[in-house]
Every structure is written in structure tokens, then in C-alpha cells.
Amino acid sequence: MATSTPRVDPQQIGQLSSPVFRIIGQVTAQPQPTQIIVASPTTGGEMISLTNVQTSSNVNYELQAWYELVCRANDFGDAGFLVLDSVKCVFPPGESISVAGVVALQQLSSKFTEIM
């Protein structure tokens, strides 16, 4: 699974050779039932907003929650993409995800493709 769906830096989405990829991001808004806005960290630690994110079904995302998103690049060359599946990152009480942790995971995943 890890080699067929690489976990990527959100800045690389437009240059991917694989049509299916994974990103980790925080859902910041859901303006329509089939659209979300995601903030995702780059390998430099900068949070960027991904605004043209379509969902494949009417899923109600929890705002400000972190998700790992399995996505498909847009066939039309647009900047957006389609979420095929998502998994909410659930943490024990009092714990949360750090941007540095997400960045480290992205960097390790690009070097060691067997990391899920």
C-alpha cells in the first residue's frame, strides 16, 4: 500500500507521477457537502491551504481535526483533487499532532517507501 500510494508534501501535488497519493492535513472548513478546505504542512514546516478539495461522498468532517487523506489527482490539470478515503487521526486525551511530526513523517516516507 505504501509504495502504491505515496505520502507527499502538499507542494508536490501538481508534479506527482502517481495519480493516487496520501496527505496528512487539518480540515479547516467544509463550505459544501462535497468540498473541504485542508491545511497541510510542507516539508519546510509551513502550513498551506488546499482549497479545491472535492470529496467522493457526503462525509461530514470534524473541523480542526487531522486526517490522513487518500486522494486522486484531478484529470483536467486543475490544482484540485478528489478525496477517495479518509482516516481521522485520533489521539488519547491531552495529546495532539505536531506539525514537526507530520513533516518528519513525510520526509521519512519519501526516503523509505515501505513506511506506511
PDB file of N, CA and C in Angstrom:
ATOM      1  N   MET A   1       0.830  -1.197   0.000  1.00  0.00           N
ATOM      2  CA  MET A   1       0.000   0.000   0.000  1.00  0.00           C
ATOM      3  C   MET A   1       0.869   1.252   0.000  1.00  0.00           C
ATOM      4  N   ALA A   2       1.942   1.252   0.801  1.00  0.00           N
ATOM      5  CA  ALA A   2       2.761   2.457   0.926  1.00  0.00           C
ATOM      6  C   ALA A   2       3.444   2.821  -0.378  1.00  0.00           C
ATOM      7  N   THR A   3       3.896   1.825  -1.144  1.00  0.00           N
ATOM      8  CA  THR A   3       4.586   2.145  -2.389  1.00  0.00           C
ATOM      9  C   THR A   3       3.616   2.558  -3.481  1.00  0.00           C
ATOM     10  N   SER A   4       2.381   2.084  -3.425  1.00  0.00           N
ATOM     11  CA  SER A   4       1.420   2.447  -4.470  1.00  0.00           C
ATOM     12  C   SER A   4       0.705   3.758  -4.168  1.00  0.00           C
ATOM     13  N   THR A   5       0.650   4.159  -2.916  1.00  0.00           N
ATOM     14  CA  THR A   5       0.039   5.442  -2.555  1.00  0.00           C
ATOM     15  C   THR A   5       1.015   6.230  -1.694  1.00  0.00           C
ATOM     16  N   PRO A   6       1.913   6.957  -2.324  1.00  0.00           N
ATOM     17  CA  PRO A   6       2.928   7.680  -1.553  1.00  0.00           C
ATOM     18  C   PRO A   6       2.335   8.802  -0.716  1.00  0.00           C
ATOM     19  N   ARG A   7       2.917   9.017   0.445  1.00  0.00           N
ATOM     20  CA  ARG A   7       2.556  10.151   1.302  1.00  0.00           C
ATOM     21  C   ARG A   7       3.423  11.313   0.836  1.00  0.00           C
ATOM     22  N   VAL A   8       2.815  12.443   0.490  1.00  0.00           N
ATOM     23  CA  VAL A   8       3.558  13.515  -0.170  1.00  0.00           C
ATOM     24  C   VAL A   8       3.440  14.852   0.551  1.00  0.00           C
ATOM     25  N   ASP A   9       4.381  15.700   0.236  1.00  0.00           N
ATOM     26  CA  ASP A   9       4.351  17.108   0.623  1.00  0.00           C
ATOM     27  C   ASP A   9       3.262  17.760  -0.230  1.00  0.00           C
ATOM     28  N   PRO A  10       2.373  18.559   0.338  1.00  0.00           N
ATOM     29  CA  PRO A  10       1.290  19.153  -0.459  1.00  0.00           C
ATOM     30  C   PRO A  10       1.779  20.051  -1.598  1.00  0.00           C
ATOM     31  N   GLN A  11       3.005  20.562  -1.516  1.00  0.00           N
ATOM     32  CA  GLN A  11       3.538  21.375  -2.610  1.00  0.00           C
ATOM     33  C   GLN A  11       3.879  20.534  -3.833  1.00  0.00           C
ATOM     34  N   GLN A  12       3.975  19.212  -3.688  1.00  0.00           N
ATOM     35  CA  GLN A  12       4.339  18.322  -4.784  1.00  0.00           C
ATOM     36  C   GLN A  12       3.140  17.795  -5.561  1.00  0.00           C
ATOM     37  N   ILE A  13       1.942  18.100  -5.144  1.00  0.00           N
ATOM     38  CA  ILE A  13       0.749  17.508  -5.749  1.00  0.00           C
ATOM     39  C   ILE A  13       0.696  17.730  -7.258  1.00  0.00           C
ATOM     40  N   GLY A  14       1.044  18.913  -7.734  1.00  0.00           N
ATOM     41  CA  GLY A  14       0.996  19.207  -9.165  1.00  0.00           C
ATOM     42  C   GLY A  14       2.039  18.489  -9.991  1.00  0.00           C
ATOM     43  N   GLN A  15       3.095  17.959  -9.369  1.00  0.00           N
ATOM     44  CA  GLN A  15       4.179  17.315 -10.111  1.00  0.00           C
ATOM     45  C   GLN A  15       4.258  15.806  -9.889  1.00  0.00           C
ATOM     46  N   LEU A  16       3.250  15.206  -9.306  1.00  0.00           N
ATOM     47  CA  LEU A  16       3.304  13.780  -8.985  1.00  0.00           C
ATOM     48  C   LEU A  16       3.205  12.913 -10.224  1.00  0.00           C
ATOM     49  N   SER A  17       3.957  11.808 -10.215  1.00  0.00           N
ATOM     50  CA  SER A  17       3.833  10.833 -11.299  1.00  0.00           C
ATOM     51  C   SER A  17       2.741   9.816 -10.982  1.00  0.00           C
ATOM     52  N   SER A  18       2.404   9.685  -9.718  1.00  0.00           N
ATOM     53  CA  SER A  18       1.356   8.764  -9.295  1.00  0.00           C
ATOM     54  C   SER A  18       0.021   9.510  -9.218  1.00  0.00           C
ATOM     55  N   PRO A  19      -1.040   8.967  -9.821  1.00  0.00           N
ATOM     56  CA  PRO A  19      -2.330   9.663  -9.750  1.00  0.00           C
ATOM     57  C   PRO A  19      -2.987   9.573  -8.376  1.00  0.00           C
ATOM     58  N   VAL A  20      -2.576   8.606  -7.558  1.00  0.00           N
ATOM     59  CA  VAL A  20      -3.145   8.430  -6.223  1.00  0.00           C
ATOM     60  C   VAL A  20      -2.041   8.692  -5.202  1.00  0.00           C
ATOM     61  N   PHE A  21      -2.370   9.456  -4.168  1.00  0.00           N
ATOM     62  CA  PHE A  21      -1.384   9.842  -3.163  1.00  0.00           C
ATOM     63  C   PHE A  21      -2.075  10.050  -1.822  1.00  0.00           C
ATOM     64  N   ARG A  22      -1.267  10.219  -0.772  1.00  0.00           N
ATOM     65  CA  ARG A  22      -1.794  10.474   0.569  1.00  0.00           C
ATOM     66  C   ARG A  22      -1.191  11.762   1.111  1.00  0.00           C
ATOM     67  N   ILE A  23      -2.003  12.514   1.831  1.00  0.00           N
ATOM     68  CA  ILE A  23      -1.508  13.676   2.567  1.00  0.00           C
ATOM     69  C   ILE A  23      -2.121  13.651   3.965  1.00  0.00           C
ATOM     70  N   ILE A  24      -1.441  14.308   4.879  1.00  0.00           N
ATOM     71  CA  ILE A  24      -1.972  14.495   6.223  1.00  0.00           C
ATOM     72  C   ILE A  24      -2.293  15.971   6.358  1.00  0.00           C
ATOM     73  N   GLY A  25      -3.500  16.271   6.794  1.00  0.00           N
ATOM     74  CA  GLY A  25      -3.884  17.666   6.917  1.00  0.00           C
ATOM     75  C   GLY A  25      -5.008  17.868   7.913  1.00  0.00           C
ATOM     76  N   GLN A  26      -5.219  19.118   8.231  1.00  0.00           N
ATOM     77  CA  GLN A  26      -6.259  19.526   9.170  1.00  0.00           C
ATOM     78  C   GLN A  26      -7.403  20.137   8.373  1.00  0.00           C
ATOM     79  N   VAL A  27      -8.605  19.591   8.530  1.00  0.00           N
ATOM     80  CA  VAL A  27      -9.774  20.137   7.838  1.00  0.00           C
ATOM     81  C   VAL A  27     -10.159  21.439   8.534  1.00  0.00           C
ATOM     82  N   THR A  28     -10.099  22.544   7.790  1.00  0.00           N
ATOM     83  CA  THR A  28     -10.384  23.852   8.386  1.00  0.00           C
ATOM     84  C   THR A  28     -11.775  24.367   8.044  1.00  0.00           C
ATOM     85  N   ALA A  29     -12.375  23.846   6.972  1.00  0.00           N
ATOM     86  CA  ALA A  29     -13.729  24.276   6.591  1.00  0.00           C
ATOM     87  C   ALA A  29     -14.345  23.231   5.669  1.00  0.00           C
ATOM     88  N   GLN A  30     -15.671  23.231   5.630  1.00  0.00           N
ATOM     89  CA  GLN A  30     -16.415  22.390   4.702  1.00  0.00           C
ATOM     90  C   GLN A  30     -17.530  23.255   4.116  1.00  0.00           C
ATOM     91  N   PRO A  31     -17.173  24.083   3.099  1.00  0.00           N
ATOM     92  CA  PRO A  31     -18.152  25.028   2.563  1.00  0.00           C
ATOM     93  C   PRO A  31     -19.341  24.373   1.866  1.00  0.00           C
ATOM     94  N   GLN A  32     -19.154  23.153   1.364  1.00  0.00           N
ATOM     95  CA  GLN A  32     -20.230  22.407   0.714  1.00  0.00           C
ATOM     96  C   GLN A  32     -20.127  20.957   1.171  1.00  0.00           C
ATOM     97  N   PRO A  33     -21.211  20.183   1.053  1.00  0.00           N
ATOM     98  CA  PRO A  33     -21.151  18.782   1.490  1.00  0.00           C
ATOM     99  C   PRO A  33     -20.086  17.958   0.766  1.00  0.00           C
ATOM    100  N   THR A  34     -19.713  18.348  -0.446  1.00  0.00           N
ATOM    101  CA  THR A  34     -18.717  17.597  -1.211  1.00  0.00           C
ATOM    102  C   THR A  34     -17.417  18.372  -1.413  1.00  0.00           C
ATOM    103  N   GLN A  35     -17.135  19.327  -0.542  1.00  0.00           N
ATOM    104  CA  GLN A  35     -15.903  20.106  -0.661  1.00  0.00           C
ATOM    105  C   GLN A  35     -15.361  20.425   0.729  1.00  0.00           C
ATOM    106  N   ILE A  36     -14.039  20.287   0.881  1.00  0.00           N
ATOM    107  CA  ILE A  36     -13.390  20.665   2.135  1.00  0.00           C
ATOM    108  C   ILE A  36     -12.187  21.556   1.841  1.00  0.00           C
ATOM    109  N   ILE A  37     -11.766  22.283   2.854  1.00  0.00           N
ATOM    110  CA  ILE A  37     -10.535  23.067   2.797  1.00  0.00           C
ATOM    111  C   ILE A  37      -9.604  22.457   3.835  1.00  0.00           C
ATOM    112  N   VAL A  38      -8.382  22.151   3.400  1.00  0.00           N
ATOM    113  CA  VAL A  38      -7.426  21.438   4.236  1.00  0.00           C
ATOM    114  C   VAL A  38      -6.156  22.265   4.393  1.00  0.00           C
ATOM    115  N   ALA A  39      -5.657  22.370   5.614  1.00  0.00           N
ATOM    116  CA  ALA A  39      -4.343  22.965   5.877  1.00  0.00           C
ATOM    117  C   ALA A  39      -3.372  21.812   6.074  1.00  0.00           C
ATOM    118  N   SER A  40      -2.302  21.808   5.284  1.00  0.00           N
ATOM    119  CA  SER A  40      -1.341  20.715   5.349  1.00  0.00           C
ATOM    120  C   SER A  40       0.070  21.275   5.396  1.00  0.00           C
ATOM    121  N   PRO A  41       0.938  20.705   6.227  1.00  0.00           N
ATOM    122  CA  PRO A  41       2.296  21.233   6.336  1.00  0.00           C
ATOM    123  C   PRO A  41       3.208  20.756   5.210  1.00  0.00           C
ATOM    124  N   THR A  42       4.052  21.663   4.737  1.00  0.00           N
ATOM    125  CA  THR A  42       5.077  21.318   3.753  1.00  0.00           C
ATOM    126  C   THR A  42       6.282  20.758   4.500  1.00  0.00           C
ATOM    127  N   THR A  43       7.241  20.219   3.760  1.00  0.00           N
ATOM    128  CA  THR A  43       8.441  19.695   4.417  1.00  0.00           C
ATOM    129  C   THR A  43       9.239  20.809   5.084  1.00  0.00           C
ATOM    130  N   GLY A  44       8.973  22.059   4.722  1.00  0.00           N
ATOM    131  CA  GLY A  44       9.608  23.189   5.388  1.00  0.00           C
ATOM    132  C   GLY A  44       8.891  23.612   6.660  1.00  0.00           C
ATOM    133  N   GLY A  45       7.766  22.953   6.978  1.00  0.00           N
ATOM    134  CA  GLY A  45       7.018  23.269   8.187  1.00  0.00           C
ATOM    135  C   GLY A  45       5.967  24.344   8.011  1.00  0.00           C
ATOM    136  N   GLU A  46       5.831  24.874   6.797  1.00  0.00           N
ATOM    137  CA  GLU A  46       4.838  25.919   6.523  1.00  0.00           C
ATOM    138  C   GLU A  46       3.481  25.273   6.252  1.00  0.00           C
ATOM    139  N   MET A  47       2.439  25.785   6.891  1.00  0.00           N
ATOM    140  CA  MET A  47       1.090  25.281   6.634  1.00  0.00           C
ATOM    141  C   MET A  47       0.539  25.976   5.397  1.00  0.00           C
ATOM    142  N   ILE A  48       0.090  25.185   4.417  1.00  0.00           N
ATOM    143  CA  ILE A  48      -0.533  25.775   3.241  1.00  0.00           C
ATOM    144  C   ILE A  48      -1.977  25.306   3.169  1.00  0.00           C
ATOM    145  N   SER A  49      -2.810  26.146   2.589  1.00  0.00           N
ATOM    146  CA  SER A  49      -4.234  25.855   2.483  1.00  0.00           C
ATOM    147  C   SER A  49      -4.537  25.257   1.120  1.00  0.00           C
ATOM    148  N   LEU A  50      -5.189  24.111   1.112  1.00  0.00           N
ATOM    149  CA  LEU A  50      -5.621  23.443  -0.116  1.00  0.00           C
ATOM    150  C   LEU A  50      -7.128  23.658  -0.216  1.00  0.00           C
ATOM    151  N   THR A  51      -7.535  24.478  -1.190  1.00  0.00           N
ATOM    152  CA  THR A  51      -8.929  24.915  -1.220  1.00  0.00           C
ATOM    153  C   THR A  51      -9.808  24.166  -2.205  1.00  0.00           C
ATOM    154  N   ASN A  52      -9.260  23.570  -3.228  1.00  0.00           N
ATOM    155  CA  ASN A  52     -10.073  22.906  -4.240  1.00  0.00           C
ATOM    156  C   ASN A  52     -10.054  21.397  -4.004  1.00  0.00           C
ATOM    157  N   VAL A  53     -10.563  20.984  -2.847  1.00  0.00           N
ATOM    158  CA  VAL A  53     -10.549  19.579  -2.453  1.00  0.00           C
ATOM    159  C   VAL A  53     -11.979  19.053  -2.491  1.00  0.00           C
ATOM    160  N   GLN A  54     -12.235  18.134  -3.398  1.00  0.00           N
ATOM    161  CA  GLN A  54     -13.561  17.541  -3.539  1.00  0.00           C
ATOM    162  C   GLN A  54     -13.601  16.211  -2.802  1.00  0.00           C
ATOM    163  N   THR A  55     -14.747  15.884  -2.230  1.00  0.00           N
ATOM    164  CA  THR A  55     -14.914  14.599  -1.559  1.00  0.00           C
ATOM    165  C   THR A  55     -15.808  13.715  -2.407  1.00  0.00           C
ATOM    166  N   SER A  56     -15.589  12.407  -2.301  1.00  0.00           N
ATOM    167  CA  SER A  56     -16.330  11.475  -3.145  1.00  0.00           C
ATOM    168  C   SER A  56     -17.718  11.157  -2.605  1.00  0.00           C
ATOM    169  N   SER A  57     -17.983  11.552  -1.380  1.00  0.00           N
ATOM    170  CA  SER A  57     -19.308  11.308  -0.805  1.00  0.00           C
ATOM    171  C   SER A  57     -19.620  12.413   0.194  1.00  0.00           C
ATOM    172  N   ASN A  58     -20.845  12.436   0.646  1.00  0.00           N
ATOM    173  CA  ASN A  58     -21.263  13.464   1.602  1.00  0.00           C
ATOM    174  C   ASN A  58     -20.811  13.094   3.014  1.00  0.00           C
ATOM    175  N   VAL A  59     -19.537  13.284   3.275  1.00  0.00           N
ATOM    176  CA  VAL A  59     -18.960  12.996   4.585  1.00  0.00           C
ATOM    177  C   VAL A  59     -18.917  14.287   5.380  1.00  0.00           C
ATOM    178  N   ASN A  60     -19.369  14.234   6.619  1.00  0.00           N
ATOM    179  CA  ASN A  60     -19.263  15.400   7.496  1.00  0.00           C
ATOM    180  C   ASN A  60     -17.945  15.311   8.250  1.00  0.00           C
ATOM    181  N   TYR A  61     -17.005  16.150   7.869  1.00  0.00           N
ATOM    182  CA  TYR A  61     -15.696  16.175   8.515  1.00  0.00           C
ATOM    183  C   TYR A  61     -15.761  17.026   9.776  1.00  0.00           C
ATOM    184  N   GLU A  62     -15.011  16.621  10.784  1.00  0.00           N
ATOM    185  CA  GLU A  62     -14.910  17.407  12.005  1.00  0.00           C
ATOM    186  C   GLU A  62     -13.906  18.531  11.759  1.00  0.00           C
ATOM    187  N   LEU A  63     -14.363  19.769  11.901  1.00  0.00           N
ATOM    188  CA  LEU A  63     -13.484  20.907  11.657  1.00  0.00           C
ATOM    189  C   LEU A  63     -12.374  20.958  12.699  1.00  0.00           C
ATOM    190  N   GLN A  64     -11.198  21.338  12.266  1.00  0.00           N
ATOM    191  CA  GLN A  64      -9.967  21.430  13.054  1.00  0.00           C
ATOM    192  C   GLN A  64      -9.384  20.068  13.413  1.00  0.00           C
ATOM    193  N   ALA A  65      -9.994  18.985  12.953  1.00  0.00           N
ATOM    194  CA  ALA A  65      -9.443  17.649  13.194  1.00  0.00           C
ATOM    195  C   ALA A  65      -8.437  17.305  12.097  1.00  0.00           C
ATOM    196  N   TRP A  66      -7.477  16.442  12.428  1.00  0.00           N
ATOM    197  CA  TRP A  66      -6.455  15.999  11.484  1.00  0.00           C
ATOM    198  C   TRP A  66      -6.896  14.690  10.843  1.00  0.00           C
ATOM    199  N   TYR A  67      -6.635  14.564   9.547  1.00  0.00           N
ATOM    200  CA  TYR A  67      -6.986  13.372   8.786  1.00  0.00           C
ATOM    201  C   TYR A  67      -5.827  12.974   7.889  1.00  0.00           C
ATOM    202  N   GLU A  68      -5.724  11.674   7.624  1.00  0.00           N
ATOM    203  CA  GLU A  68      -4.885  11.224   6.519  1.00  0.00           C
ATOM    204  C   GLU A  68      -5.850  10.997   5.367  1.00  0.00           C
ATOM    205  N   LEU A  69      -5.578  11.633   4.242  1.00  0.00           N
ATOM    206  CA  LEU A  69      -6.471  11.600   3.092  1.00  0.00           C
ATOM    207  C   LEU A  69      -5.823  10.829   1.950  1.00  0.00           C
ATOM    208  N   VAL A  70      -6.538   9.845   1.423  1.00  0.00           N
ATOM    209  CA  VAL A  70      -6.109   9.152   0.212  1.00  0.00           C
ATOM    210  C   VAL A  70      -6.806   9.874  -0.934  1.00  0.00           C
ATOM    211  N   CYS A  71      -6.017  10.392  -1.867  1.00  0.00           N
ATOM    212  CA  CYS A  71      -6.552  11.303  -2.882  1.00  0.00           C
ATOM    213  C   CYS A  71      -6.189  10.863  -4.292  1.00  0.00           C
ATOM    214  N   ARG A  72      -6.948  11.378  -5.239  1.00  0.00           N
ATOM    215  CA  ARG A  72      -6.669  11.166  -6.658  1.00  0.00           C
ATOM    216  C   ARG A  72      -6.507  12.533  -7.298  1.00  0.00           C
ATOM    217  N   ALA A  73      -5.436  12.681  -8.063  1.00  0.00           N
ATOM    218  CA  ALA A  73      -5.179  13.943  -8.749  1.00  0.00           C
ATOM    219  C   ALA A  73      -6.265  14.210  -9.778  1.00  0.00           C
ATOM    220  N   ASN A  74      -6.543  15.477 -10.011  1.00  0.00           N
ATOM    221  CA  ASN A  74      -7.543  15.892 -10.982  1.00  0.00           C
ATOM    222  C   ASN A  74      -7.054  15.585 -12.389  1.00  0.00           C
ATOM    223  N   ASP A  75      -7.894  14.959 -13.201  1.00  0.00           N
ATOM    224  CA  ASP A  75      -7.536  14.604 -14.578  1.00  0.00           C
ATOM    225  C   ASP A  75      -7.457  15.799 -15.509  1.00  0.00           C
ATOM    226  N   PHE A  76      -7.997  16.921 -15.109  1.00  0.00           N
ATOM    227  CA  PHE A  76      -8.108  18.065 -16.010  1.00  0.00           C
ATOM    228  C   PHE A  76      -6.981  19.073 -15.851  1.00  0.00           C
ATOM    229  N   GLY A  77      -5.976  18.751 -15.047  1.00  0.00           N
ATOM    230  CA  GLY A  77      -4.848  19.652 -14.866  1.00  0.00           C
ATOM    231  C   GLY A  77      -5.109  20.775 -13.885  1.00  0.00           C
ATOM    232  N   ASP A  78      -6.276  20.771 -13.251  1.00  0.00           N
ATOM    233  CA  ASP A  78      -6.570  21.787 -12.246  1.00  0.00           C
ATOM    234  C   ASP A  78      -5.743  21.510 -10.991  1.00  0.00           C
ATOM    235  N   ALA A  79      -5.707  22.481 -10.120  1.00  0.00           N
ATOM    236  CA  ALA A  79      -4.929  22.344  -8.887  1.00  0.00           C
ATOM    237  C   ALA A  79      -5.618  21.445  -7.870  1.00  0.00           C
ATOM    238  N   GLY A  80      -6.887  21.164  -8.042  1.00  0.00           N
ATOM    239  CA  GLY A  80      -7.632  20.403  -7.052  1.00  0.00           C
ATOM    240  C   GLY A  80      -7.448  18.910  -7.177  1.00  0.00           C
ATOM    241  N   PHE A  81      -8.055  18.189  -6.231  1.00  0.00           N
ATOM    242  CA  PHE A  81      -8.006  16.740  -6.246  1.00  0.00           C
ATOM    243  C   PHE A  81      -9.225  16.190  -5.522  1.00  0.00           C
ATOM    244  N   LEU A  82      -9.431  14.887  -5.647  1.00  0.00           N
ATOM    245  CA  LEU A  82     -10.586  14.199  -5.088  1.00  0.00           C
ATOM    246  C   LEU A  82     -10.138  13.302  -3.936  1.00  0.00           C
ATOM    247  N   VAL A  83     -10.829  13.395  -2.811  1.00  0.00           N
ATOM    248  CA  VAL A  83     -10.552  12.519  -1.672  1.00  0.00           C
ATOM    249  C   VAL A  83     -11.292  11.207  -1.902  1.00  0.00           C
ATOM    250  N   LEU A  84     -10.540  10.116  -1.982  1.00  0.00           N
ATOM    251  CA  LEU A  84     -11.137   8.798  -2.165  1.00  0.00           C
ATOM    252  C   LEU A  84     -11.498   8.155  -0.831  1.00  0.00           C
ATOM    253  N   ASP A  85     -10.678   8.421   0.175  1.00  0.00           N
ATOM    254  CA  ASP A  85     -10.905   7.849   1.501  1.00  0.00           C
ATOM    255  C   ASP A  85     -10.197   8.728   2.527  1.00  0.00           C
ATOM    256  N   SER A  86     -10.650   8.672   3.744  1.00  0.00           N
ATOM    257  CA  SER A  86     -10.011   9.467   4.795  1.00  0.00           C
ATOM    258  C   SER A  86     -10.073   8.711   6.113  1.00  0.00           C
ATOM    259  N   VAL A  87      -9.043   8.937   6.925  1.00  0.00           N
ATOM    260  CA  VAL A  87      -8.975   8.351   8.255  1.00  0.00           C
ATOM    261  C   VAL A  87      -8.671   9.477   9.223  1.00  0.00           C
ATOM    262  N   LYS A  88      -9.544   9.645  10.205  1.00  0.00           N
ATOM    263  CA  LYS A  88      -9.319  10.676  11.214  1.00  0.00           C
ATOM    264  C   LYS A  88      -8.186  10.232  12.134  1.00  0.00           C
ATOM    265  N   CYS A  89      -7.277  11.148  12.420  1.00  0.00           N
ATOM    266  CA  CYS A  89      -6.178  10.883  13.354  1.00  0.00           C
ATOM    267  C   CYS A  89      -6.721  11.068  14.770  1.00  0.00           C
ATOM    268  N   VAL A  90      -6.885   9.981  15.490  1.00  0.00           N
ATOM    269  CA  VAL A  90      -7.459  10.006  16.834  1.00  0.00           C
ATOM    270  C   VAL A  90      -6.319   9.884  17.845  1.00  0.00           C
ATOM    271  N   PHE A  91      -6.326  10.765  18.830  1.00  0.00           N
ATOM    272  CA  PHE A  91      -5.273  10.803  19.837  1.00  0.00           C
ATOM    273  C   PHE A  91      -5.866  10.596  21.223  1.00  0.00           C
ATOM    274  N   PRO A  92      -5.064  10.057  22.140  1.00  0.00           N
ATOM    275  CA  PRO A  92      -5.523   9.933  23.526  1.00  0.00           C
ATOM    276  C   PRO A  92      -5.802  11.317  24.111  1.00  0.00           C
ATOM    277  N   PRO A  93      -6.638  11.395  25.145  1.00  0.00           N
ATOM    278  CA  PRO A  93      -6.936  12.689  25.767  1.00  0.00           C
ATOM    279  C   PRO A  93      -5.653  13.426  26.164  1.00  0.00           C
ATOM    280  N   GLY A  94      -5.611  14.706  25.845  1.00  0.00           N
ATOM    281  CA  GLY A  94      -4.472  15.541  26.185  1.00  0.00           C
ATOM    282  C   GLY A  94      -3.330  15.507  25.185  1.00  0.00           C
ATOM    283  N   GLU A  95      -3.430  14.672  24.140  1.00  0.00           N
ATOM    284  CA  GLU A  95      -2.376  14.598  23.136  1.00  0.00           C
ATOM    285  C   GLU A  95      -2.878  15.151  21.813  1.00  0.00           C
ATOM    286  N   SER A  96      -1.946  15.651  21.002  1.00  0.00           N
ATOM    287  CA  SER A  96      -2.300  16.161  19.676  1.00  0.00           C
ATOM    288  C   SER A  96      -1.132  15.911  18.739  1.00  0.00           C
ATOM    289  N   ILE A  97      -1.337  16.194  17.483  1.00  0.00           N
ATOM    290  CA  ILE A  97      -0.295  16.019  16.477  1.00  0.00           C
ATOM    291  C   ILE A  97       0.512  17.308  16.374  1.00  0.00           C
ATOM    292  N   SER A  98       1.780  17.171  16.078  1.00  0.00           N
ATOM    293  CA  SER A  98       2.603  18.362  15.875  1.00  0.00           C
ATOM    294  C   SER A  98       2.929  18.491  14.396  1.00  0.00           C
ATOM    295  N   VAL A  99       3.058  19.714  13.932  1.00  0.00           N
ATOM    296  CA  VAL A  99       3.427  19.951  12.539  1.00  0.00           C
ATOM    297  C   VAL A  99       4.798  19.337  12.270  1.00  0.00           C
ATOM    298  N   ALA A 100       5.707  19.453  13.214  1.00  0.00           N
ATOM    299  CA  ALA A 100       7.042  18.869  13.049  1.00  0.00           C
ATOM    300  C   ALA A 100       6.960  17.352  12.869  1.00  0.00           C
ATOM    301  N   GLY A 101       6.035  16.715  13.577  1.00  0.00           N
ATOM    302  CA  GLY A 101       5.848  15.275  13.435  1.00  0.00           C
ATOM    303  C   GLY A 101       5.336  14.889  12.060  1.00  0.00           C
ATOM    304  N   VAL A 102       4.391  15.650  11.538  1.00  0.00           N
ATOM    305  CA  VAL A 102       3.860  15.389  10.198  1.00  0.00           C
ATOM    306  C   VAL A 102       4.958  15.576   9.157  1.00  0.00           C
ATOM    307  N   VAL A 103       5.736  16.637   9.291  1.00  0.00           N
ATOM    308  CA  VAL A 103       6.826  16.910   8.354  1.00  0.00           C
ATOM    309  C   VAL A 103       7.852  15.777   8.398  1.00  0.00           C
ATOM    310  N   ALA A 104       8.207  15.325   9.586  1.00  0.00           N
ATOM    311  CA  ALA A 104       9.167  14.227   9.712  1.00  0.00           C
ATOM    312  C   ALA A 104       8.633  12.960   9.055  1.00  0.00           C
ATOM    313  N   LEU A 105       7.348  12.676   9.230  1.00  0.00           N
ATOM    314  CA  LEU A 105       6.742  11.501   8.609  1.00  0.00           C
ATOM    315  C   LEU A 105       6.773  11.609   7.089  1.00  0.00           C
ATOM    316  N   GLN A 106       6.478  12.792   6.544  1.00  0.00           N
ATOM    317  CA  GLN A 106       6.529  12.991   5.096  1.00  0.00           C
ATOM    318  C   GLN A 106       7.940  12.766   4.568  1.00  0.00           C
ATOM    319  N   GLN A 107       8.936  13.292   5.266  1.00  0.00           N
ATOM    320  CA  GLN A 107      10.319  13.155   4.819  1.00  0.00           C
ATOM    321  C   GLN A 107      10.782  11.702   4.893  1.00  0.00           C
ATOM    322  N   LEU A 108      10.443  11.013   5.974  1.00  0.00           N
ATOM    323  CA  LEU A 108      10.808   9.601   6.084  1.00  0.00           C
ATOM    324  C   LEU A 108      10.107   8.758   5.027  1.00  0.00           C
ATOM    325  N   SER A 109       8.837   9.053   4.772  1.00  0.00           N
ATOM    326  CA  SER A 109       8.073   8.292   3.787  1.00  0.00           C
ATOM    327  C   SER A 109       8.644   8.441   2.386  1.00  0.00           C
ATOM    328  N   SER A 110       9.182   9.618   2.064  1.00  0.00           N
ATOM    329  CA  SER A 110       9.753   9.806   0.729  1.00  0.00           C
ATOM    330  C   SER A 110      11.087   9.075   0.585  1.00  0.00           C
ATOM    331  N   LYS A 111      11.805   8.884   1.689  1.00  0.00           N
ATOM    332  CA  LYS A 111      13.091   8.179   1.637  1.00  0.00           C
ATOM    333  C   LYS A 111      12.929   6.670   1.772  1.00  0.00           C
ATOM    334  N   PHE A 112      11.951   6.252   2.569  1.00  0.00           N
ATOM    335  CA  PHE A 112      11.728   4.838   2.835  1.00  0.00           C
ATOM    336  C   PHE A 112      10.284   4.508   2.482  1.00  0.00           C
ATOM    337  N   THR A 113      10.063   4.072   1.250  1.00  0.00           N
ATOM    338  CA  THR A 113       8.694   3.883   0.748  1.00  0.00           C
ATOM    339  C   THR A 113       7.934   2.769   1.455  1.00  0.00           C
ATOM    340  N   GLU A 114       8.626   1.896   2.181  1.00  0.00           N
ATOM    341  CA  GLU A 114       7.920   0.824   2.879  1.00  0.00           C
ATOM    342  C   GLU A 114       7.236   1.305   4.152  1.00  0.00           C
ATOM    343  N   ILE A 115       7.521   2.547   4.577  1.00  0.00           N
ATOM    344  CA  ILE A 115       6.863   3.107   5.763  1.00  0.00           C
ATOM    345  C   ILE A 115       5.411   3.400   5.425  1.00  0.00           C
ATOM    346  N   MET A 116       4.521   2.905   6.210  1.00  0.00           N
ATOM    347  CA  MET A 116       3.109   3.158   5.972  1.00  0.00           C
ATOM    348  C   MET A 116       2.758   4.386   6.694  1.00  0.00           C
TER     349      MET A 116
END
